[in-house]
N, C-alpha and C. Protein backbone atom coordinates (compact mmCIF):
# COMPACT_ATOMS: atom_id res chain seq x y z
N MET A 1 -15.16 -19.26 -26.73
CA MET A 1 -14.71 -19.51 -25.38
C MET A 1 -14.68 -18.20 -24.61
N SER A 2 -15.25 -18.21 -23.45
CA SER A 2 -15.30 -17.03 -22.60
C SER A 2 -14.04 -16.95 -21.73
N ARG A 3 -13.54 -15.76 -21.59
CA ARG A 3 -12.37 -15.55 -20.73
C ARG A 3 -12.83 -15.17 -19.33
N ASN A 4 -12.06 -15.60 -18.34
CA ASN A 4 -12.30 -15.17 -16.98
C ASN A 4 -11.50 -13.90 -16.70
N LEU A 5 -11.97 -13.13 -15.74
CA LEU A 5 -11.31 -11.91 -15.31
C LEU A 5 -10.43 -12.25 -14.11
N ILE A 6 -9.13 -12.06 -14.26
CA ILE A 6 -8.17 -12.40 -13.20
C ILE A 6 -7.55 -11.10 -12.68
N VAL A 7 -7.90 -10.73 -11.45
CA VAL A 7 -7.30 -9.55 -10.83
C VAL A 7 -5.96 -9.96 -10.23
N VAL A 8 -4.92 -9.24 -10.61
CA VAL A 8 -3.58 -9.50 -10.10
C VAL A 8 -3.06 -8.23 -9.44
N ASP A 9 -2.46 -8.41 -8.28
CA ASP A 9 -1.82 -7.27 -7.62
C ASP A 9 -0.47 -7.72 -7.07
N LEU A 10 0.52 -6.88 -7.25
CA LEU A 10 1.86 -7.14 -6.73
C LEU A 10 2.26 -6.01 -5.81
N GLU A 11 2.99 -6.36 -4.79
CA GLU A 11 3.74 -5.37 -4.03
C GLU A 11 5.19 -5.59 -4.45
N THR A 12 5.93 -4.51 -4.59
CA THR A 12 7.28 -4.59 -5.14
C THR A 12 8.28 -3.79 -4.31
N THR A 13 9.54 -3.97 -4.65
CA THR A 13 10.60 -3.24 -3.94
C THR A 13 10.70 -1.80 -4.40
N GLY A 14 9.87 -1.40 -5.36
CA GLY A 14 9.85 -0.04 -5.86
C GLY A 14 9.02 0.04 -7.11
N LEU A 15 9.09 1.17 -7.79
CA LEU A 15 8.26 1.39 -8.97
C LEU A 15 9.00 1.28 -10.30
N GLY A 16 10.30 1.19 -10.26
CA GLY A 16 11.06 1.13 -11.50
C GLY A 16 11.13 -0.28 -12.07
N PRO A 17 11.55 -0.40 -13.33
CA PRO A 17 11.62 -1.71 -13.97
C PRO A 17 12.69 -2.62 -13.36
N GLN A 18 13.62 -2.06 -12.61
CA GLN A 18 14.67 -2.84 -11.98
C GLN A 18 14.23 -3.42 -10.63
N CYS A 19 13.03 -3.09 -10.19
CA CYS A 19 12.53 -3.54 -8.90
C CYS A 19 11.95 -4.95 -9.02
N ALA A 20 11.74 -5.58 -7.87
CA ALA A 20 11.29 -6.97 -7.86
C ALA A 20 9.97 -7.12 -7.11
N PRO A 21 9.15 -8.09 -7.52
CA PRO A 21 7.92 -8.38 -6.79
C PRO A 21 8.25 -9.07 -5.46
N ILE A 22 7.60 -8.62 -4.40
CA ILE A 22 7.83 -9.21 -3.08
C ILE A 22 6.56 -9.80 -2.47
N GLU A 23 5.43 -9.61 -3.14
CA GLU A 23 4.16 -10.17 -2.67
C GLU A 23 3.23 -10.22 -3.88
N VAL A 24 2.56 -11.35 -4.08
CA VAL A 24 1.75 -11.57 -5.27
C VAL A 24 0.39 -12.13 -4.86
N ALA A 25 -0.67 -11.59 -5.46
CA ALA A 25 -2.01 -12.15 -5.27
C ALA A 25 -2.76 -12.10 -6.59
N ALA A 26 -3.54 -13.13 -6.83
CA ALA A 26 -4.40 -13.20 -8.01
C ALA A 26 -5.74 -13.78 -7.60
N ILE A 27 -6.81 -13.18 -8.12
CA ILE A 27 -8.16 -13.66 -7.83
C ILE A 27 -8.91 -13.78 -9.14
N ASN A 28 -9.47 -14.97 -9.37
CA ASN A 28 -10.34 -15.17 -10.52
C ASN A 28 -11.71 -14.65 -10.11
N VAL A 29 -12.11 -13.53 -10.67
CA VAL A 29 -13.36 -12.88 -10.30
C VAL A 29 -14.56 -13.77 -10.61
N ASP A 30 -14.43 -14.62 -11.62
CA ASP A 30 -15.55 -15.44 -12.06
C ASP A 30 -15.70 -16.74 -11.27
N THR A 31 -14.59 -17.29 -10.76
CA THR A 31 -14.67 -18.56 -10.02
C THR A 31 -14.36 -18.41 -8.54
N GLY A 32 -13.72 -17.32 -8.17
CA GLY A 32 -13.31 -17.13 -6.78
C GLY A 32 -11.96 -17.73 -6.44
N GLU A 33 -11.35 -18.46 -7.38
CA GLU A 33 -10.04 -19.05 -7.13
C GLU A 33 -9.04 -17.95 -6.76
N THR A 34 -8.26 -18.21 -5.71
CA THR A 34 -7.29 -17.23 -5.23
C THR A 34 -5.91 -17.87 -5.13
N LEU A 35 -4.92 -17.11 -5.52
CA LEU A 35 -3.53 -17.51 -5.37
C LEU A 35 -2.81 -16.36 -4.68
N GLU A 36 -2.07 -16.69 -3.65
CA GLU A 36 -1.29 -15.67 -2.94
C GLU A 36 0.06 -16.29 -2.59
N PHE A 37 1.13 -15.55 -2.85
CA PHE A 37 2.44 -16.06 -2.45
C PHE A 37 3.44 -14.92 -2.28
N VAL A 38 4.46 -15.23 -1.52
CA VAL A 38 5.56 -14.30 -1.29
C VAL A 38 6.79 -14.93 -1.95
N PRO A 39 7.16 -14.44 -3.13
CA PRO A 39 8.25 -15.06 -3.86
C PRO A 39 9.60 -14.86 -3.17
N TYR A 40 10.47 -15.83 -3.40
CA TYR A 40 11.83 -15.68 -2.91
C TYR A 40 12.49 -14.51 -3.63
N VAL A 41 13.08 -13.63 -2.86
CA VAL A 41 13.82 -12.50 -3.41
C VAL A 41 15.04 -12.28 -2.52
N ASP A 42 16.20 -12.27 -3.13
CA ASP A 42 17.42 -11.92 -2.41
C ASP A 42 17.47 -10.39 -2.41
N LEU A 43 17.04 -9.80 -1.31
CA LEU A 43 16.92 -8.34 -1.25
C LEU A 43 18.26 -7.62 -1.41
N SER A 44 19.35 -8.33 -1.25
CA SER A 44 20.66 -7.70 -1.44
C SER A 44 21.02 -7.58 -2.93
N ARG A 45 20.21 -8.21 -3.80
CA ARG A 45 20.52 -8.22 -5.23
C ARG A 45 19.51 -7.46 -6.09
N VAL A 46 18.58 -6.77 -5.46
CA VAL A 46 17.57 -6.03 -6.24
C VAL A 46 17.56 -4.57 -5.82
N SER A 47 17.01 -3.76 -6.70
CA SER A 47 16.86 -2.34 -6.40
C SER A 47 15.76 -2.18 -5.35
N ILE A 48 16.06 -1.42 -4.33
CA ILE A 48 15.09 -1.20 -3.26
C ILE A 48 14.85 0.30 -3.10
N GLU A 49 13.58 0.66 -3.14
CA GLU A 49 13.17 2.03 -2.87
C GLU A 49 12.52 2.02 -1.49
N PRO A 50 13.16 2.61 -0.48
CA PRO A 50 12.64 2.55 0.89
C PRO A 50 11.18 2.97 1.01
N GLN A 51 10.76 3.94 0.19
CA GLN A 51 9.37 4.40 0.26
C GLN A 51 8.40 3.27 -0.05
N ALA A 52 8.78 2.37 -0.94
CA ALA A 52 7.90 1.24 -1.29
C ALA A 52 7.66 0.36 -0.07
N PHE A 53 8.71 0.09 0.68
CA PHE A 53 8.57 -0.73 1.88
C PHE A 53 7.77 0.00 2.95
N ALA A 54 7.89 1.31 3.02
CA ALA A 54 7.10 2.09 3.98
C ALA A 54 5.62 2.01 3.62
N ILE A 55 5.31 2.08 2.33
CA ILE A 55 3.91 2.05 1.90
C ILE A 55 3.30 0.67 2.07
N ASN A 56 4.01 -0.38 1.63
CA ASN A 56 3.40 -1.71 1.70
C ASN A 56 3.62 -2.41 3.04
N ARG A 57 4.38 -1.80 3.92
CA ARG A 57 4.56 -2.32 5.28
C ARG A 57 5.03 -3.78 5.29
N TYR A 58 5.90 -4.10 4.38
CA TYR A 58 6.41 -5.46 4.20
C TYR A 58 6.96 -6.03 5.50
N PHE A 59 7.77 -5.27 6.19
CA PHE A 59 8.37 -5.77 7.43
C PHE A 59 7.40 -5.69 8.60
N GLU A 60 6.63 -4.60 8.68
CA GLU A 60 5.67 -4.45 9.79
C GLU A 60 4.61 -5.55 9.76
N ARG A 61 4.18 -5.94 8.57
CA ARG A 61 3.17 -7.00 8.44
C ARG A 61 3.77 -8.40 8.53
N GLY A 62 5.08 -8.49 8.59
CA GLY A 62 5.74 -9.80 8.68
C GLY A 62 5.64 -10.62 7.41
N VAL A 63 5.48 -9.95 6.27
CA VAL A 63 5.33 -10.65 4.99
C VAL A 63 6.53 -11.54 4.71
N TYR A 64 7.72 -11.05 5.04
CA TYR A 64 8.95 -11.80 4.76
C TYR A 64 8.95 -13.18 5.41
N ASP A 65 8.19 -13.35 6.50
CA ASP A 65 8.12 -14.66 7.17
C ASP A 65 7.50 -15.73 6.27
N ALA A 66 6.69 -15.30 5.31
CA ALA A 66 6.01 -16.24 4.40
C ALA A 66 6.78 -16.43 3.09
N MET A 67 7.99 -15.88 2.99
CA MET A 67 8.75 -15.97 1.74
C MET A 67 9.02 -17.44 1.40
N LEU A 68 8.72 -17.79 0.16
CA LEU A 68 8.95 -19.15 -0.33
C LEU A 68 10.44 -19.37 -0.58
N ASN A 69 10.81 -20.64 -0.67
CA ASN A 69 12.17 -20.95 -1.10
C ASN A 69 12.22 -20.83 -2.63
N PRO A 70 13.41 -20.83 -3.23
CA PRO A 70 13.49 -20.64 -4.68
C PRO A 70 12.69 -21.65 -5.50
N ASP A 71 12.70 -22.93 -5.13
CA ASP A 71 11.96 -23.94 -5.91
C ASP A 71 10.45 -23.71 -5.82
N ASP A 72 9.95 -23.44 -4.61
CA ASP A 72 8.52 -23.19 -4.46
C ASP A 72 8.10 -21.89 -5.15
N THR A 73 9.02 -20.95 -5.23
CA THR A 73 8.74 -19.70 -5.95
C THR A 73 8.52 -19.98 -7.43
N ILE A 74 9.35 -20.83 -8.01
CA ILE A 74 9.19 -21.20 -9.42
C ILE A 74 7.83 -21.85 -9.64
N THR A 75 7.43 -22.73 -8.73
CA THR A 75 6.13 -23.39 -8.83
C THR A 75 4.99 -22.38 -8.72
N ALA A 76 5.11 -21.43 -7.79
CA ALA A 76 4.06 -20.43 -7.61
C ALA A 76 3.91 -19.55 -8.85
N TRP A 77 5.03 -19.13 -9.44
CA TRP A 77 4.94 -18.33 -10.67
C TRP A 77 4.30 -19.15 -11.79
N SER A 78 4.61 -20.43 -11.85
CA SER A 78 4.00 -21.31 -12.86
C SER A 78 2.49 -21.42 -12.63
N ASP A 79 2.09 -21.53 -11.36
CA ASP A 79 0.66 -21.58 -11.04
C ASP A 79 -0.04 -20.30 -11.49
N LEU A 80 0.61 -19.17 -11.29
CA LEU A 80 0.03 -17.90 -11.74
C LEU A 80 -0.10 -17.88 -13.26
N ALA A 81 0.91 -18.35 -13.96
CA ALA A 81 0.84 -18.41 -15.42
C ALA A 81 -0.34 -19.27 -15.86
N ASP A 82 -0.57 -20.39 -15.17
CA ASP A 82 -1.70 -21.27 -15.50
C ASP A 82 -3.03 -20.57 -15.29
N ILE A 83 -3.16 -19.84 -14.18
CA ILE A 83 -4.41 -19.13 -13.89
C ILE A 83 -4.67 -18.06 -14.96
N LEU A 84 -3.62 -17.39 -15.39
CA LEU A 84 -3.76 -16.31 -16.36
C LEU A 84 -3.95 -16.80 -17.79
N SER A 85 -3.57 -18.01 -18.07
CA SER A 85 -3.54 -18.52 -19.44
C SER A 85 -4.88 -18.35 -20.16
N GLY A 86 -4.87 -17.55 -21.21
CA GLY A 86 -6.06 -17.32 -22.03
C GLY A 86 -7.11 -16.42 -21.41
N ASN A 87 -6.85 -15.93 -20.21
CA ASN A 87 -7.82 -15.10 -19.50
C ASN A 87 -7.45 -13.62 -19.60
N THR A 88 -8.27 -12.78 -19.00
CA THR A 88 -8.05 -11.34 -19.02
C THR A 88 -7.36 -10.91 -17.73
N PHE A 89 -6.20 -10.31 -17.86
CA PHE A 89 -5.43 -9.79 -16.74
C PHE A 89 -6.07 -8.47 -16.33
N ALA A 90 -6.43 -8.35 -15.07
CA ALA A 90 -7.14 -7.17 -14.59
C ALA A 90 -6.46 -6.62 -13.34
N GLY A 91 -6.75 -5.36 -13.06
CA GLY A 91 -6.23 -4.77 -11.84
C GLY A 91 -6.41 -3.28 -11.81
N SER A 92 -5.88 -2.70 -10.75
CA SER A 92 -5.82 -1.26 -10.63
C SER A 92 -4.43 -0.88 -11.12
N ASN A 93 -4.36 -0.27 -12.29
CA ASN A 93 -3.10 -0.01 -13.00
C ASN A 93 -2.43 -1.33 -13.40
N PRO A 94 -3.14 -2.17 -14.16
CA PRO A 94 -2.60 -3.50 -14.49
C PRO A 94 -1.37 -3.47 -15.38
N THR A 95 -1.12 -2.37 -16.05
CA THR A 95 0.06 -2.30 -16.91
C THR A 95 1.34 -2.52 -16.10
N PHE A 96 1.40 -1.93 -14.93
CA PHE A 96 2.57 -2.09 -14.05
C PHE A 96 2.73 -3.54 -13.64
N ASP A 97 1.65 -4.13 -13.11
CA ASP A 97 1.71 -5.51 -12.63
C ASP A 97 1.97 -6.49 -13.77
N ALA A 98 1.33 -6.26 -14.92
CA ALA A 98 1.52 -7.16 -16.07
C ALA A 98 2.97 -7.16 -16.53
N ALA A 99 3.61 -6.00 -16.52
CA ALA A 99 5.02 -5.93 -16.93
C ALA A 99 5.90 -6.74 -15.99
N MET A 100 5.62 -6.64 -14.69
CA MET A 100 6.40 -7.40 -13.71
C MET A 100 6.17 -8.90 -13.87
N VAL A 101 4.91 -9.29 -14.03
CA VAL A 101 4.58 -10.71 -14.19
C VAL A 101 5.20 -11.24 -15.49
N ALA A 102 5.13 -10.46 -16.55
CA ALA A 102 5.69 -10.89 -17.84
C ALA A 102 7.19 -11.18 -17.72
N ARG A 103 7.88 -10.42 -16.91
CA ARG A 103 9.32 -10.67 -16.71
C ARG A 103 9.57 -12.02 -16.06
N LYS A 104 8.59 -12.50 -15.30
CA LYS A 104 8.75 -13.78 -14.58
C LYS A 104 8.25 -14.97 -15.38
N VAL A 105 7.12 -14.81 -16.10
CA VAL A 105 6.49 -15.98 -16.74
C VAL A 105 6.10 -15.76 -18.19
N GLY A 106 6.40 -14.61 -18.74
CA GLY A 106 5.93 -14.33 -20.10
C GLY A 106 4.48 -13.86 -20.06
N THR A 107 3.90 -13.67 -21.23
CA THR A 107 2.51 -13.20 -21.30
C THR A 107 1.60 -14.33 -21.76
N HIS A 108 0.88 -14.89 -20.84
CA HIS A 108 -0.02 -16.01 -21.12
C HIS A 108 -1.48 -15.56 -21.20
N TRP A 109 -1.74 -14.30 -20.96
CA TRP A 109 -3.10 -13.80 -20.88
C TRP A 109 -3.50 -13.16 -22.20
N HIS A 110 -4.79 -12.86 -22.31
CA HIS A 110 -5.32 -12.14 -23.46
C HIS A 110 -4.60 -10.80 -23.54
N TYR A 111 -4.36 -10.33 -24.75
CA TYR A 111 -3.52 -9.14 -24.93
C TYR A 111 -4.12 -7.84 -24.40
N ARG A 112 -5.42 -7.79 -24.19
CA ARG A 112 -6.02 -6.57 -23.63
C ARG A 112 -6.12 -6.70 -22.12
N LEU A 113 -5.74 -5.64 -21.43
CA LEU A 113 -5.81 -5.63 -19.97
C LEU A 113 -7.08 -4.93 -19.52
N ALA A 114 -7.63 -5.36 -18.40
CA ALA A 114 -8.81 -4.71 -17.83
C ALA A 114 -8.36 -3.81 -16.69
N ASP A 115 -8.44 -2.50 -16.91
CA ASP A 115 -8.00 -1.51 -15.93
C ASP A 115 -9.22 -1.01 -15.16
N LEU A 116 -9.21 -1.20 -13.84
CA LEU A 116 -10.34 -0.80 -13.01
C LEU A 116 -10.68 0.68 -13.19
N ALA A 117 -9.69 1.54 -13.27
CA ALA A 117 -9.95 2.98 -13.41
C ALA A 117 -10.74 3.28 -14.67
N ALA A 118 -10.34 2.68 -15.78
CA ALA A 118 -11.05 2.91 -17.05
C ALA A 118 -12.45 2.31 -17.00
N TYR A 119 -12.58 1.15 -16.36
CA TYR A 119 -13.88 0.49 -16.26
C TYR A 119 -14.82 1.29 -15.35
N ALA A 120 -14.27 1.90 -14.31
CA ALA A 120 -15.09 2.62 -13.34
C ALA A 120 -15.43 4.05 -13.76
N ALA A 121 -14.62 4.64 -14.61
CA ALA A 121 -14.78 6.06 -14.95
C ALA A 121 -16.20 6.44 -15.36
N PRO A 122 -16.86 5.71 -16.26
CA PRO A 122 -18.23 6.11 -16.64
C PRO A 122 -19.20 6.06 -15.45
N ALA A 123 -19.09 5.04 -14.61
CA ALA A 123 -19.99 4.92 -13.46
C ALA A 123 -19.76 6.05 -12.46
N LEU A 124 -18.54 6.56 -12.41
CA LEU A 124 -18.21 7.63 -11.48
C LEU A 124 -18.33 9.01 -12.11
N GLY A 125 -18.74 9.04 -13.38
CA GLY A 125 -18.88 10.32 -14.07
C GLY A 125 -17.55 10.99 -14.34
N ARG A 126 -16.50 10.21 -14.53
CA ARG A 126 -15.16 10.75 -14.75
C ARG A 126 -14.83 10.78 -16.24
N ASP A 127 -14.09 11.78 -16.61
CA ASP A 127 -13.56 11.89 -17.96
C ASP A 127 -12.43 10.87 -18.12
N PRO A 128 -12.25 10.29 -19.30
CA PRO A 128 -11.16 9.34 -19.49
C PRO A 128 -9.77 9.90 -19.21
N SER A 129 -9.63 11.21 -19.24
CA SER A 129 -8.32 11.80 -18.93
C SER A 129 -8.14 12.05 -17.43
N GLU A 130 -9.17 11.76 -16.64
CA GLU A 130 -9.11 11.97 -15.19
C GLU A 130 -9.47 10.67 -14.48
N LEU A 131 -8.73 9.62 -14.78
CA LEU A 131 -9.05 8.31 -14.23
C LEU A 131 -8.81 8.27 -12.72
N PRO A 132 -9.72 7.65 -11.98
CA PRO A 132 -9.58 7.58 -10.53
C PRO A 132 -8.58 6.51 -10.11
N GLY A 133 -7.96 6.71 -8.96
CA GLY A 133 -7.10 5.69 -8.37
C GLY A 133 -7.95 4.67 -7.63
N LEU A 134 -7.31 3.62 -7.14
CA LEU A 134 -8.04 2.56 -6.44
C LEU A 134 -8.82 3.10 -5.25
N ALA A 135 -8.19 3.92 -4.43
CA ALA A 135 -8.88 4.45 -3.24
C ALA A 135 -10.12 5.25 -3.63
N ASP A 136 -10.04 6.03 -4.71
CA ASP A 136 -11.20 6.81 -5.17
C ASP A 136 -12.33 5.90 -5.63
N VAL A 137 -11.99 4.86 -6.39
CA VAL A 137 -13.01 3.92 -6.87
C VAL A 137 -13.68 3.23 -5.69
N LEU A 138 -12.87 2.75 -4.76
CA LEU A 138 -13.43 2.03 -3.61
C LEU A 138 -14.32 2.94 -2.77
N ALA A 139 -13.91 4.18 -2.56
CA ALA A 139 -14.73 5.11 -1.79
C ALA A 139 -16.06 5.37 -2.50
N ALA A 140 -16.01 5.59 -3.80
CA ALA A 140 -17.24 5.86 -4.56
C ALA A 140 -18.19 4.67 -4.54
N LEU A 141 -17.64 3.47 -4.54
CA LEU A 141 -18.48 2.26 -4.55
C LEU A 141 -18.78 1.74 -3.15
N LYS A 142 -18.24 2.42 -2.14
CA LYS A 142 -18.43 2.03 -0.74
C LYS A 142 -17.92 0.61 -0.48
N ILE A 143 -16.70 0.37 -0.94
CA ILE A 143 -16.04 -0.92 -0.73
C ILE A 143 -14.84 -0.68 0.17
N GLU A 144 -14.72 -1.50 1.21
CA GLU A 144 -13.60 -1.37 2.13
C GLU A 144 -12.43 -2.23 1.67
N ASN A 145 -11.24 -1.69 1.75
CA ASN A 145 -10.02 -2.46 1.49
C ASN A 145 -9.51 -2.88 2.86
N ARG A 146 -9.63 -4.16 3.17
CA ARG A 146 -9.29 -4.64 4.51
C ARG A 146 -7.81 -4.52 4.84
N CYS A 147 -6.96 -4.46 3.82
CA CYS A 147 -5.52 -4.34 4.06
C CYS A 147 -4.88 -3.59 2.89
N PRO A 148 -5.03 -2.25 2.86
CA PRO A 148 -4.48 -1.47 1.75
C PRO A 148 -2.97 -1.67 1.58
N HIS A 149 -2.54 -1.62 0.35
CA HIS A 149 -1.12 -1.75 -0.02
C HIS A 149 -0.54 -3.11 0.37
N SER A 150 -1.42 -4.12 0.42
CA SER A 150 -0.97 -5.51 0.48
C SER A 150 -1.50 -6.15 -0.79
N ALA A 151 -0.80 -7.15 -1.30
CA ALA A 151 -1.22 -7.75 -2.57
C ALA A 151 -2.63 -8.32 -2.46
N LEU A 152 -2.90 -9.11 -1.43
CA LEU A 152 -4.22 -9.73 -1.33
C LEU A 152 -5.30 -8.70 -0.99
N GLY A 153 -5.00 -7.77 -0.11
CA GLY A 153 -5.99 -6.74 0.24
C GLY A 153 -6.41 -5.93 -0.97
N ASP A 154 -5.43 -5.47 -1.75
CA ASP A 154 -5.74 -4.68 -2.94
C ASP A 154 -6.43 -5.53 -4.01
N ALA A 155 -5.99 -6.79 -4.16
CA ALA A 155 -6.63 -7.67 -5.16
C ALA A 155 -8.08 -7.95 -4.78
N GLU A 156 -8.34 -8.23 -3.52
CA GLU A 156 -9.72 -8.50 -3.08
C GLU A 156 -10.60 -7.28 -3.30
N ALA A 157 -10.13 -6.12 -2.90
CA ALA A 157 -10.92 -4.90 -3.06
C ALA A 157 -11.16 -4.60 -4.54
N THR A 158 -10.15 -4.79 -5.36
CA THR A 158 -10.28 -4.55 -6.80
C THR A 158 -11.28 -5.53 -7.41
N ALA A 159 -11.21 -6.79 -7.01
CA ALA A 159 -12.16 -7.80 -7.51
C ALA A 159 -13.59 -7.42 -7.12
N LYS A 160 -13.78 -7.00 -5.87
CA LYS A 160 -15.12 -6.58 -5.43
C LYS A 160 -15.62 -5.40 -6.25
N ALA A 161 -14.72 -4.48 -6.57
CA ALA A 161 -15.11 -3.32 -7.37
C ALA A 161 -15.52 -3.74 -8.78
N PHE A 162 -14.79 -4.65 -9.39
CA PHE A 162 -15.18 -5.14 -10.72
C PHE A 162 -16.56 -5.79 -10.66
N VAL A 163 -16.82 -6.59 -9.64
CA VAL A 163 -18.12 -7.25 -9.50
C VAL A 163 -19.23 -6.22 -9.34
N LYS A 164 -19.01 -5.24 -8.46
CA LYS A 164 -20.02 -4.21 -8.24
C LYS A 164 -20.28 -3.41 -9.52
N LEU A 165 -19.22 -3.07 -10.24
CA LEU A 165 -19.39 -2.33 -11.49
C LEU A 165 -20.09 -3.17 -12.55
N ARG A 166 -19.79 -4.45 -12.61
CA ARG A 166 -20.51 -5.34 -13.54
C ARG A 166 -22.01 -5.28 -13.25
N ASP A 167 -22.35 -5.32 -11.96
CA ASP A 167 -23.77 -5.26 -11.57
C ASP A 167 -24.39 -3.92 -11.95
N ILE A 168 -23.67 -2.84 -11.71
CA ILE A 168 -24.17 -1.50 -12.06
C ILE A 168 -24.43 -1.42 -13.56
N TYR A 169 -23.48 -1.87 -14.35
CA TYR A 169 -23.63 -1.79 -15.81
C TYR A 169 -24.73 -2.74 -16.30
N ALA A 170 -24.88 -3.89 -15.67
CA ALA A 170 -25.96 -4.81 -16.05
C ALA A 170 -27.32 -4.18 -15.76
N GLU A 171 -27.44 -3.52 -14.61
CA GLU A 171 -28.70 -2.84 -14.28
C GLU A 171 -28.98 -1.72 -15.27
N GLN A 172 -27.96 -0.97 -15.65
CA GLN A 172 -28.15 0.11 -16.62
C GLN A 172 -28.60 -0.44 -17.98
N ARG A 173 -28.01 -1.54 -18.40
CA ARG A 173 -28.42 -2.15 -19.68
C ARG A 173 -29.85 -2.64 -19.60
N GLU A 174 -30.19 -3.23 -18.47
CA GLU A 174 -31.55 -3.76 -18.29
C GLU A 174 -32.58 -2.64 -18.28
N SER A 175 -32.26 -1.55 -17.61
CA SER A 175 -33.22 -0.44 -17.54
C SER A 175 -33.33 0.31 -18.88
N ALA A 176 -32.32 0.18 -19.72
CA ALA A 176 -32.35 0.83 -21.03
C ALA A 176 -33.21 0.08 -22.04
N ARG A 177 -33.58 -1.14 -21.71
CA ARG A 177 -34.39 -1.96 -22.64
C ARG A 177 -35.82 -1.56 -22.64
C-alpha cells in the first residue's frame, strides 16, 4: 500500500509545548485534498507569546473570525486524523507540527516524517547540517508563498515545493539511466 504525502502546517500561540494551535491546514500532495480550520481556543487559558501573534498576524488577518465552536473543533481534529491515517506527515519542520497534532489526536500517521528542509538539501547543494528554512527553499525553487506565516499559505507553498522537488529528483533519476 502506498502512502500519501500530507503537508500539515499550524500557526500557534507560541513555540513552547504549552502553546496552542490557532490555525490548521493540511494538504494531501497526491490527491489535492485540503483541510483548513481555526480551532476553538480559549485564549485566556493558554500560554501566549506576543511575538507569535505578530508573526502570524492572527488578528490583522481576522483569523479569529473563523474560529470554530468546541464541537466543530472536535470534528475538524477528527477529520485531520482521518486524512493523516497511515500516510506520511510532511512539512517545513514537521516535528513541531506533529507534536502539536499528536497532543490533539494522537499519532495516526506513518512514524517517519517528511521534512522539506532535509528533502530539499541535496537539490540546493546544502550540507545536512545546514538545512534551509522554508523561505530559503521557496526562493531557491522560485515558489511564491501567497500568505507567509498563515497555515494555508505555508502548507500550499510547502506542498508546491515537495512537488517541484519530486519532479527534479525524477528528472535526475531519468537522466542517470
